[in-house]
C-alpha cells in the first residue's frame, strides 16, 4: 500500500508555483513576439506614410516650366530663375543671387581663398564644384550627352541649357519688351539695354559696359592687339566677329534680305534693326524724358545728352562735343575740306553720310514709308519726324516763349527768331537774312528768275 501511495504521489501534477512560472515564460515570449510585430508594423506604416508624404509634397509645381518640388520654399527659389529676381546682394560688389547659399559661396571669391588645387596643372579654385569640373577637362570626361545631336557636356545644367536650342524654349522673358531668352544671364544683360545700367567699368579709360564679356572685348582696344588678319587685303581686327563680317565684303555675301524694300544685310541682327524703320517699332525708351529709339545704341547716345558731358573739344575754337565722331565732322569746318564728291553732279560733302543722303535726290529713291498714311521719305530721320506729326507729341520747348516743336531741328530754326543773327549774306548786295529760304528767294531777284507764272 505504501508503495502504491508513493507511486501515486509521484504521478501527481506538478506544483502550482512551477506551473505558474512555466506559463509566465511562454506568455513573455508571446508578448515579445507581439511587441516586435507591432514595432515592425509601426515602422512599415511610418515608411508608407513618408513615401505617401513625399509624393504628396511633390505638389508644388512651376506654372512656367512644369518642374515639381517637394517644398514650397524650393518652388519659390526656382521661380526666381524665371523672374530674374536676386534678393541676396553681395556687400562687396553688389552682385545679386537667388539664394543665401549661392551668396555664401560667392563670398569666397572676395576672400581670395582657393583651397582646391589641381595636382596636374597647379590651377586652384575657390569652389569644389569648379575644381571637379576642371578635373574633367584633364580626363576629357563629357558624360552628359544630347540625344538630339550627340554633343556632350560636363554637367547636367550645361546639357539642359543646350537642349533649349533644339526645343526652341525661351523661358526667360523681358519685362520691358516681348523678347525672350534661353538663359537667365542673357535676359539680365538684355534688360540693361532698357535701363541703361552699365556695371562693368574699364580702369584705363573709364568707359562702362553692360557685361563682363563686353568689357573683356573692349580691353583688346587698349592692348592694340589685332590677331585676326584678312588674307585678301591684309586688314586686321581685334574681334573675330568683325573679321568674319569683313570677309563677307570680299565675298559679296549679303544673305539677309528685307522683304519690304529688298535691301540686303550681312547679319540677321542688322536686318532686324533695319526692319524697325518700316514698322516704326522703338523698343528702347529713355526713362528721363520718355523718348523712344529703334536701336539700343541710339538710346545710349541719347542718355549722354541728358548728362551734358562733352568729353571731346576742338583745339581750334574750343567747342565741346559729346562724341568723337561729332568732333571729327566739326573739324572739316575749319579745314573747308569736302572729300566726298558726288559722281553725278560733282557736289562735294564733308561726310559720307551727307553724300549718301544727297545721292538719293538723283535716284529718287524713298525707301522709308509711313505705315499710317503711306507717305514715303528718302531718309529715316524724315520718317521719324513725320511719325511725330501723327502722334501730335511736341517734346522740344522754347525757353524764351514756351512754344513747342516736334523736333530739335525745328526748335533750332525757331530760336533764330529770338536772336539778331542773320547768317545768310548776299554776295552781290550785302543784304543778310535769317532764313535760308528767304536768302534763296532774294538771289532770284538778282538772276532775274521769275519761274512762277499765273
Protein backbone atom coordinates (compact mmCIF):
# COMPACT_ATOMS: atom_id res chain seq x y z
CA UNK A 1 0.00 0.00 0.00
CA UNK A 2 2.77 2.36 0.85
CA UNK A 3 4.45 1.57 -2.44
CA UNK A 4 1.27 2.37 -4.34
CA UNK A 5 0.82 5.55 -2.33
CA UNK A 6 4.34 6.69 -3.17
CA UNK A 7 3.79 5.87 -6.84
CA UNK A 8 0.54 7.80 -6.84
CA UNK A 9 2.30 10.73 -5.21
CA UNK A 10 4.98 10.52 -7.91
CA UNK A 11 2.31 10.61 -10.62
CA UNK A 12 0.60 13.67 -9.15
CA UNK A 13 0.54 17.04 -11.01
CA UNK A 14 3.43 19.49 -10.71
CA UNK A 15 3.42 22.16 -8.13
CA UNK A 16 1.20 25.17 -8.85
CA UNK A 17 4.19 27.54 -8.47
CA UNK A 18 6.09 25.65 -11.16
CA UNK A 19 3.11 25.67 -13.49
CA UNK A 20 2.72 29.41 -12.97
CA UNK A 21 6.38 30.02 -13.72
CA UNK A 22 6.37 28.00 -16.95
CA UNK A 23 3.20 29.70 -18.20
CA UNK A 24 4.69 33.13 -17.44
CA UNK A 25 7.77 32.43 -19.60
CA UNK A 26 5.61 31.38 -22.54
CA UNK A 27 3.45 34.46 -22.15
CA UNK A 28 6.54 36.70 -22.05
CA UNK A 29 7.84 35.10 -25.29
CA UNK A 30 4.48 35.60 -26.92
CA UNK A 31 4.28 39.19 -25.71
CA UNK A 32 7.78 39.91 -27.00
CA UNK A 33 6.89 38.43 -30.37
CA UNK A 34 3.72 40.54 -30.49
CA UNK A 35 5.67 43.65 -29.46
CA UNK A 36 8.26 43.10 -32.18
CA UNK A 37 5.46 42.58 -34.71
CA UNK A 38 3.83 45.84 -33.59
CA UNK A 39 7.14 47.63 -33.95
CA UNK A 40 7.63 46.26 -37.47
CA UNK A 41 4.08 47.30 -38.37
CA UNK A 42 4.73 50.78 -36.97
CA UNK A 43 7.97 51.09 -38.98
CA UNK A 44 6.19 49.92 -42.12
CA UNK A 45 3.37 52.41 -41.52
CA UNK A 46 5.92 55.18 -40.97
CA UNK A 47 7.76 54.28 -44.21
CA UNK A 48 4.45 54.13 -46.08
CA UNK A 49 3.48 57.47 -44.56
CA UNK A 50 6.82 59.05 -45.52
CA UNK A 51 6.55 57.70 -49.07
CA UNK A 52 3.00 58.98 -49.30
CA UNK A 53 4.08 62.28 -47.71
CA UNK A 54 6.94 62.67 -50.25
CA UNK A 55 4.56 62.01 -53.12
CA UNK A 56 2.06 64.41 -51.62
CA UNK A 57 4.74 67.03 -51.15
CA UNK A 58 5.61 66.92 -54.87
CA UNK A 59 2.52 69.05 -55.43
CA UNK A 60 4.43 72.34 -55.71
CA UNK A 61 4.65 72.71 -59.50
CA UNK A 62 6.11 75.59 -61.53
CA UNK A 63 3.44 77.07 -63.81
CA UNK A 64 6.06 78.22 -66.32
CA UNK A 65 8.11 75.07 -66.96
CA UNK A 66 6.22 72.27 -65.14
CA UNK A 67 9.04 71.36 -62.75
CA UNK A 68 7.81 70.00 -59.37
CA UNK A 69 9.17 70.49 -55.85
CA UNK A 70 8.58 68.78 -52.51
CA UNK A 71 8.62 72.09 -50.63
CA UNK A 72 7.06 75.48 -51.28
CA UNK A 73 10.44 77.13 -50.50
CA UNK A 74 12.03 75.10 -53.31
CA UNK A 75 9.41 76.33 -55.76
CA UNK A 76 9.81 79.95 -54.56
CA UNK A 77 13.58 79.75 -55.09
CA UNK A 78 13.09 78.16 -58.53
CA UNK A 79 10.63 80.89 -59.65
CA UNK A 80 13.38 83.46 -59.17
CA UNK A 81 15.18 81.85 -62.13
CA UNK A 82 12.24 82.78 -64.39
CA UNK A 83 11.64 86.24 -62.89
CA UNK A 84 15.34 87.12 -62.70
CA UNK A 85 14.85 88.25 -59.07
CA UNK A 86 18.03 88.11 -56.99
CA UNK A 87 17.25 89.39 -53.46
CA UNK A 88 20.54 88.36 -51.83
CA UNK A 89 23.15 91.05 -52.56
CA UNK A 90 26.90 90.96 -52.07
CA UNK A 91 28.12 93.91 -49.94
CA UNK A 92 31.48 93.90 -51.74
CA UNK A 93 30.47 94.06 -55.41
CA UNK A 94 26.68 94.42 -55.46
CA UNK A 95 26.12 91.15 -57.36
CA UNK A 96 22.73 89.55 -56.72
CA UNK A 97 21.85 85.89 -56.03
CA UNK A 98 18.64 83.86 -55.91
CA UNK A 99 19.53 82.17 -52.58
CA UNK A 100 21.59 82.84 -49.46
CA UNK A 101 23.63 79.67 -50.09
CA UNK A 102 24.70 80.99 -53.50
CA UNK A 103 25.74 84.28 -51.89
CA UNK A 104 27.73 82.39 -49.25
CA UNK A 105 29.61 80.51 -51.97
CA UNK A 106 30.25 83.76 -53.86
CA UNK A 107 31.81 85.47 -50.83
CA UNK A 108 34.76 83.05 -51.10
CA UNK A 109 35.71 84.91 -54.32
CA UNK A 110 36.30 88.14 -52.36
CA UNK A 111 38.29 86.37 -49.64
CA UNK A 112 40.79 85.27 -52.29
CA UNK A 113 40.92 81.79 -50.76
CA UNK A 114 41.39 78.94 -53.28
CA UNK A 115 41.83 75.75 -51.29
CA UNK A 116 41.19 73.30 -54.15
CA UNK A 117 44.39 72.81 -56.17
CA UNK A 118 44.70 70.67 -59.30
CA UNK A 119 47.61 68.21 -58.95
CA UNK A 120 48.06 68.03 -62.75
CA UNK A 121 48.35 71.71 -63.75
CA UNK A 122 48.53 73.57 -60.43
CA UNK A 123 45.40 75.64 -61.09
CA UNK A 124 43.49 76.49 -57.89
CA UNK A 125 39.78 77.02 -57.27
CA UNK A 126 37.66 78.63 -54.59
CA UNK A 127 34.82 76.13 -55.06
CA UNK A 128 34.88 72.33 -55.01
CA UNK A 129 32.31 72.12 -57.84
CA UNK A 130 34.52 74.24 -60.13
CA UNK A 131 37.53 72.11 -59.20
CA UNK A 132 35.67 68.89 -60.08
CA UNK A 133 34.54 70.34 -63.40
CA UNK A 134 38.12 71.36 -64.15
CA UNK A 135 39.34 67.84 -63.46
CA UNK A 136 37.00 66.57 -66.17
CA UNK A 137 38.91 68.67 -68.73
CA UNK A 138 42.06 66.65 -67.97
CA UNK A 139 40.15 63.35 -68.06
CA UNK A 140 38.18 64.52 -71.13
CA UNK A 141 35.01 63.39 -69.38
CA UNK A 142 31.82 64.67 -71.03
CA UNK A 143 29.28 62.22 -69.67
CA UNK A 144 26.11 64.25 -70.35
CA UNK A 145 25.16 63.61 -73.97
CA UNK A 146 22.43 65.32 -76.04
CA UNK A 147 20.14 62.66 -77.57
CA UNK A 148 19.23 65.01 -80.46
CA UNK A 149 22.67 65.88 -81.86
CA UNK A 150 25.15 63.81 -79.85
CA UNK A 151 27.01 66.79 -78.39
CA UNK A 152 28.40 66.09 -74.92
CA UNK A 153 28.78 68.24 -71.80
CA UNK A 154 30.47 68.05 -68.42
CA UNK A 155 27.35 68.95 -66.36
CA UNK A 156 23.58 68.34 -66.42
CA UNK A 157 22.89 72.10 -66.32
CA UNK A 158 25.02 72.64 -69.45
CA UNK A 159 23.15 69.86 -71.24
CA UNK A 160 19.73 71.27 -70.25
CA UNK A 161 20.75 74.72 -71.45
CA UNK A 162 21.95 73.25 -74.75
CA UNK A 163 18.73 71.27 -75.29
CA UNK A 164 16.77 74.52 -75.46
CA UNK A 165 18.41 75.07 -78.87
CA UNK A 166 16.53 72.00 -80.15
CA UNK A 167 13.24 72.66 -78.33
CA UNK A 168 13.23 76.39 -79.04
CA UNK A 169 12.22 77.01 -75.42
CA UNK A 170 12.87 80.55 -74.16
CA UNK A 171 11.57 80.67 -70.59
CA UNK A 172 13.18 83.98 -69.59
CA UNK A 173 11.00 86.90 -70.73
CA UNK A 174 11.97 90.59 -70.78
CA UNK A 175 9.76 92.76 -68.57
CA UNK A 176 10.27 95.76 -70.89
CA UNK A 177 9.65 94.21 -74.33
CA UNK A 178 8.37 90.94 -75.86
CA UNK A 179 11.83 89.43 -76.30
CA UNK A 180 12.59 86.11 -74.54
CA UNK A 181 15.81 84.19 -73.90
CA UNK A 182 17.09 80.66 -73.31
CA UNK A 183 19.46 81.74 -70.49
CA UNK A 184 18.72 83.88 -67.43
CA UNK A 185 22.12 85.58 -67.86
CA UNK A 186 21.21 86.70 -71.38
CA UNK A 187 17.95 88.19 -70.05
CA UNK A 188 19.79 90.16 -67.36
CA UNK A 189 22.27 91.56 -69.90
CA UNK A 190 19.44 92.43 -72.33
CA UNK A 191 17.40 94.30 -69.70
CA UNK A 192 20.39 96.56 -69.07
CA UNK A 193 19.84 97.89 -72.61
CA UNK A 194 16.45 99.18 -71.44
CA UNK A 195 17.62 100.51 -68.07
CA UNK A 196 20.93 101.93 -69.33
CA UNK A 197 22.76 100.18 -66.46
CA UNK A 198 26.47 99.54 -67.12
CA UNK A 199 28.08 97.97 -64.05
CA UNK A 200 31.38 96.93 -65.67
CA UNK A 201 33.95 99.73 -65.83
CA UNK A 202 37.24 99.98 -67.76
CA UNK A 203 40.09 101.07 -65.46
CA UNK A 204 42.05 102.53 -68.38
CA UNK A 205 39.54 104.90 -70.00
CA UNK A 206 36.52 104.90 -67.65
CA UNK A 207 34.12 103.54 -70.27
CA UNK A 208 31.23 101.46 -68.89
CA UNK A 209 29.77 98.22 -70.25
CA UNK A 210 26.63 96.12 -69.74
CA UNK A 211 28.52 92.81 -69.36
CA UNK A 212 31.93 91.47 -68.36
CA UNK A 213 32.34 89.91 -71.83
CA UNK A 214 31.87 93.35 -73.48
CA UNK A 215 34.48 94.81 -71.12
CA UNK A 216 36.86 91.95 -71.96
CA UNK A 217 36.41 92.61 -75.69
CA UNK A 218 36.97 96.35 -75.13
CA UNK A 219 40.27 95.80 -73.28
CA UNK A 220 41.75 94.46 -76.54
CA UNK A 221 41.42 98.03 -77.90
CA UNK A 222 43.88 99.29 -75.26
CA UNK A 223 46.31 96.43 -75.87
CA UNK A 224 46.36 97.25 -79.59
CA UNK A 225 46.28 93.55 -80.37
CA UNK A 226 44.59 92.61 -83.67
CA UNK A 227 45.07 88.87 -84.07
CA UNK A 228 42.52 88.33 -86.88
CA UNK A 229 44.15 89.22 -90.23
CA UNK A 230 42.39 89.15 -93.61
CA UNK A 231 44.43 87.11 -96.11
CA UNK A 232 42.94 89.04 -99.05
CA UNK A 233 43.61 92.67 -98.11
CA UNK A 234 45.80 92.43 -95.01
CA UNK A 235 43.34 94.33 -92.79
CA UNK A 236 43.47 93.16 -89.16
CA UNK A 237 40.77 93.06 -86.49
CA UNK A 238 40.72 92.82 -82.72
CA UNK A 239 37.44 90.85 -82.72
CA UNK A 240 36.61 87.63 -84.53
CA UNK A 241 33.01 88.57 -85.42
CA UNK A 242 34.18 91.82 -87.08
CA UNK A 243 36.75 89.83 -89.04
CA UNK A 244 34.02 87.42 -90.24
CA UNK A 245 31.77 90.33 -91.23
CA UNK A 246 34.68 91.88 -93.14
CA UNK A 247 35.24 88.65 -95.07
CA UNK A 248 31.67 88.87 -96.35
CA UNK A 249 32.53 92.20 -98.06
CA UNK A 250 35.11 90.36 -100.20
CA UNK A 251 32.68 87.53 -100.97
CA UNK A 252 29.84 90.00 -101.62
CA UNK A 253 27.62 87.95 -99.31
CA UNK A 254 24.53 89.79 -98.09
CA UNK A 255 22.26 86.86 -97.42
CA UNK A 256 19.75 88.57 -95.11
CA UNK A 257 17.19 90.38 -97.32
CA UNK A 258 14.40 92.75 -96.25
CA UNK A 259 11.06 91.52 -97.65
CA UNK A 260 9.66 95.08 -97.71
CA UNK A 261 12.30 97.02 -99.65
CA UNK A 262 14.76 94.34 -100.87
CA UNK A 263 17.75 95.80 -99.07
CA UNK A 264 20.24 93.10 -98.01
CA UNK A 265 22.48 92.75 -94.96
CA UNK A 266 25.38 90.62 -93.78
CA UNK A 267 23.77 89.57 -90.45
CA UNK A 268 20.30 88.81 -89.03
CA UNK A 269 20.88 91.46 -86.36
CA UNK A 270 21.42 94.20 -88.98
CA UNK A 271 18.30 93.09 -90.87
CA UNK A 272 16.13 93.18 -87.72
CA UNK A 273 17.45 96.63 -86.86
CA UNK A 274 16.68 97.83 -90.41
CA UNK A 275 13.12 96.40 -90.35
CA UNK A 276 12.24 98.70 -87.44
CA UNK A 277 12.46 101.58 -89.95
CA UNK A 278 9.46 100.09 -91.79
CA UNK A 279 7.49 99.05 -88.71
CA UNK A 280 8.26 102.20 -86.71
CA UNK A 281 9.00 100.00 -83.67
CA UNK A 282 11.02 101.74 -80.95
CA UNK A 283 11.55 99.32 -78.07
CA UNK A 284 14.24 101.33 -76.26
CA UNK A 285 12.75 104.13 -74.13
CA UNK A 286 14.54 106.88 -72.19
CA UNK A 287 13.49 106.81 -68.52
CA UNK A 288 14.23 110.54 -68.15
CA UNK A 289 12.17 112.08 -70.98
CA UNK A 290 10.15 109.19 -72.42
CA UNK A 291 11.71 109.41 -75.90
CA UNK A 292 11.92 106.04 -77.70
CA UNK A 293 14.52 104.64 -80.07
CA UNK A 294 14.73 101.78 -82.54
CA UNK A 295 18.30 100.92 -81.52
CA UNK A 296 19.93 100.39 -78.13
CA UNK A 297 23.00 102.36 -79.26
CA UNK A 298 20.78 105.36 -80.07
CA UNK A 299 19.34 105.26 -76.54
CA UNK A 300 22.85 105.12 -75.07
CA UNK A 301 23.93 108.09 -77.15
CA UNK A 302 20.76 109.97 -76.20
CA UNK A 303 21.43 109.42 -72.47
CA UNK A 304 24.74 111.24 -72.90
CA UNK A 305 22.76 114.33 -73.99
CA UNK A 306 20.97 114.30 -70.61
CA UNK A 307 24.28 114.03 -68.77
CA UNK A 308 25.54 117.18 -70.55
CA UNK A 309 29.05 115.74 -70.57
CA UNK A 310 31.14 116.88 -73.56
CA UNK A 311 34.42 114.98 -73.43
CA UNK A 312 35.70 115.95 -76.89
CA UNK A 313 36.87 119.54 -77.50
CA UNK A 314 38.02 121.31 -80.66
CA UNK A 315 41.62 122.58 -80.39
CA UNK A 316 40.90 125.47 -82.75
CA UNK A 317 37.71 127.02 -81.36
CA UNK A 318 37.18 125.24 -78.04
CA UNK A 319 33.73 123.92 -78.93
CA UNK A 320 32.80 120.77 -76.99
CA UNK A 321 31.20 117.61 -78.34
CA UNK A 322 29.61 114.54 -76.80
CA UNK A 323 31.04 112.15 -79.40
CA UNK A 324 34.42 111.90 -81.13
CA UNK A 325 32.58 111.44 -84.46
CA UNK A 326 30.89 114.84 -83.98
CA UNK A 327 34.26 116.46 -83.32
CA UNK A 328 35.70 114.81 -86.44
CA UNK A 329 32.84 116.19 -88.55
CA UNK A 330 33.24 119.63 -86.97
CA UNK A 331 36.97 119.82 -87.83
CA UNK A 332 36.07 119.87 -91.54
CA UNK A 333 34.50 123.32 -90.90
CA UNK A 334 37.92 124.71 -90.09
CA UNK A 335 39.67 122.97 -92.99
CA UNK A 336 36.95 123.60 -95.64
CA UNK A 337 37.76 120.09 -96.81
CA UNK A 338 34.97 118.23 -98.60
CA UNK A 339 36.50 114.94 -99.70
CA UNK A 340 33.24 113.13 -100.55
CA UNK A 341 32.22 114.07 -104.12
CA UNK A 342 29.01 113.12 -105.94
CA UNK A 343 29.87 111.32 -109.20
CA UNK A 344 26.65 112.56 -110.87
CA UNK A 345 26.73 116.31 -110.23
CA UNK A 346 30.17 116.97 -108.72
CA UNK A 347 28.83 118.40 -105.45
CA UNK A 348 31.14 117.71 -102.51
CA UNK A 349 30.39 116.94 -98.87
CA UNK A 350 32.23 116.77 -95.58
CA UNK A 351 30.93 113.29 -94.64
CA UNK A 352 29.92 110.03 -96.35
CA UNK A 353 26.55 110.24 -94.60
CA UNK A 354 25.76 113.61 -96.24
CA UNK A 355 26.91 112.32 -99.64
CA UNK A 356 24.64 109.26 -99.41
CA UNK A 357 21.73 111.45 -98.37
CA UNK A 358 22.39 113.70 -101.37
CA UNK A 359 22.63 110.82 -103.88
CA UNK A 360 19.03 109.81 -103.11
CA UNK A 361 17.99 113.10 -104.79
CA UNK A 362 19.36 111.77 -108.09
CA UNK A 363 17.85 108.28 -107.76
CA UNK A 364 14.51 109.50 -106.40
CA UNK A 365 14.51 106.55 -104.02
CA UNK A 366 12.25 106.82 -100.96
CA UNK A 367 12.66 103.56 -99.03
CA UNK A 368 11.17 104.76 -95.74
CA UNK A 369 7.35 104.51 -95.79
CA UNK A 370 4.86 105.59 -93.14
CA UNK A 371 2.58 102.67 -92.17
CA UNK A 372 -0.20 105.07 -91.13
CA UNK A 373 -0.63 107.20 -94.27
CA UNK A 374 1.66 105.62 -96.88
CA UNK A 375 3.87 108.69 -97.34
CA UNK A 376 7.48 107.84 -98.28
CA UNK A 377 10.75 109.50 -97.35
CA UNK A 378 14.31 109.41 -98.64
CA UNK A 379 15.78 109.41 -95.12
CA UNK A 380 14.96 107.55 -91.91
CA UNK A 381 15.11 110.84 -89.98
CA UNK A 382 12.40 112.23 -92.29
CA UNK A 383 10.12 109.30 -91.44
CA UNK A 384 10.87 109.67 -87.70
CA UNK A 385 9.92 113.38 -87.77
CA UNK A 386 6.81 112.59 -89.81
CA UNK A 387 5.63 109.94 -87.31
CA UNK A 388 5.79 112.56 -84.58
CA UNK A 389 3.22 114.59 -86.55
CA UNK A 390 0.81 111.66 -86.34
CA UNK A 391 1.38 111.33 -82.61
CA UNK A 392 0.99 115.09 -82.05
CA UNK A 393 3.75 114.92 -79.46
CA UNK A 394 5.90 118.06 -79.17
CA UNK A 395 8.74 117.35 -76.77
CA UNK A 396 11.04 120.28 -77.65
CA UNK A 397 10.11 123.61 -75.99
CA UNK A 398 11.50 127.09 -76.49
CA UNK A 399 12.89 128.51 -73.23
CA UNK A 400 12.10 132.06 -74.29
CA UNK A 401 8.47 131.91 -75.48
CA UNK A 402 7.31 128.44 -74.47
CA UNK A 403 6.41 127.34 -77.99
CA UNK A 404 6.64 123.58 -78.57
CA UNK A 405 8.13 121.72 -81.55
CA UNK A 406 8.17 118.13 -82.75
CA UNK A 407 11.90 118.05 -83.49
CA UNK A 408 15.12 119.64 -82.22
CA UNK A 409 15.87 120.96 -85.74
CA UNK A 410 12.55 122.85 -85.81
CA UNK A 411 13.33 124.34 -82.40
CA UNK A 412 16.81 125.33 -83.60
CA UNK A 413 15.32 127.16 -86.61
CA UNK A 414 12.80 128.89 -84.36
CA UNK A 415 15.48 130.20 -81.95
CA UNK A 416 16.83 132.41 -84.75
CA UNK A 417 13.63 134.49 -84.35
CA UNK A 418 14.69 135.46 -80.84
CA UNK A 419 18.25 136.33 -81.91
CA UNK A 420 19.52 139.11 -84.19
CA UNK A 421 21.61 136.63 -86.14
CA UNK A 422 21.36 136.77 -89.94
CA UNK A 423 23.84 134.18 -91.17
CA UNK A 424 22.84 134.15 -94.88
CA UNK A 425 24.53 137.13 -96.63
CA UNK A 426 24.08 138.04 -100.32
CA UNK A 427 27.49 138.43 -102.03
CA UNK A 428 26.03 140.83 -104.64
CA UNK A 429 24.28 143.44 -102.48
CA UNK A 430 25.33 142.60 -98.94
CA UNK A 431 21.78 142.05 -97.69
CA UNK A 432 21.51 139.42 -94.92
CA UNK A 433 18.74 137.01 -94.00
CA UNK A 434 17.76 134.87 -91.05
CA UNK A 435 16.33 132.06 -93.15
CA UNK A 436 17.97 130.16 -96.00
CA UNK A 437 14.65 130.03 -97.89
CA UNK A 438 14.41 133.86 -97.81
CA UNK A 439 18.02 134.17 -98.92
CA UNK A 440 17.44 131.85 -101.93
CA UNK A 441 14.30 133.76 -102.90
CA UNK A 442 16.30 137.03 -102.78
CA UNK A 443 19.03 135.60 -105.06
CA UNK A 444 16.40 135.05 -107.74
CA UNK A 445 15.84 138.85 -107.91
CA UNK A 446 19.48 139.31 -108.99
CA UNK A 447 19.34 136.46 -111.51
CA UNK A 448 16.05 137.78 -112.93
CA UNK A 449 14.42 134.42 -112.37
CA UNK A 450 10.62 134.58 -112.35
CA UNK A 451 9.60 130.93 -112.51
CA UNK A 452 6.07 131.26 -111.12
CA UNK A 453 3.65 132.15 -113.96
CA UNK A 454 -0.05 132.95 -113.48
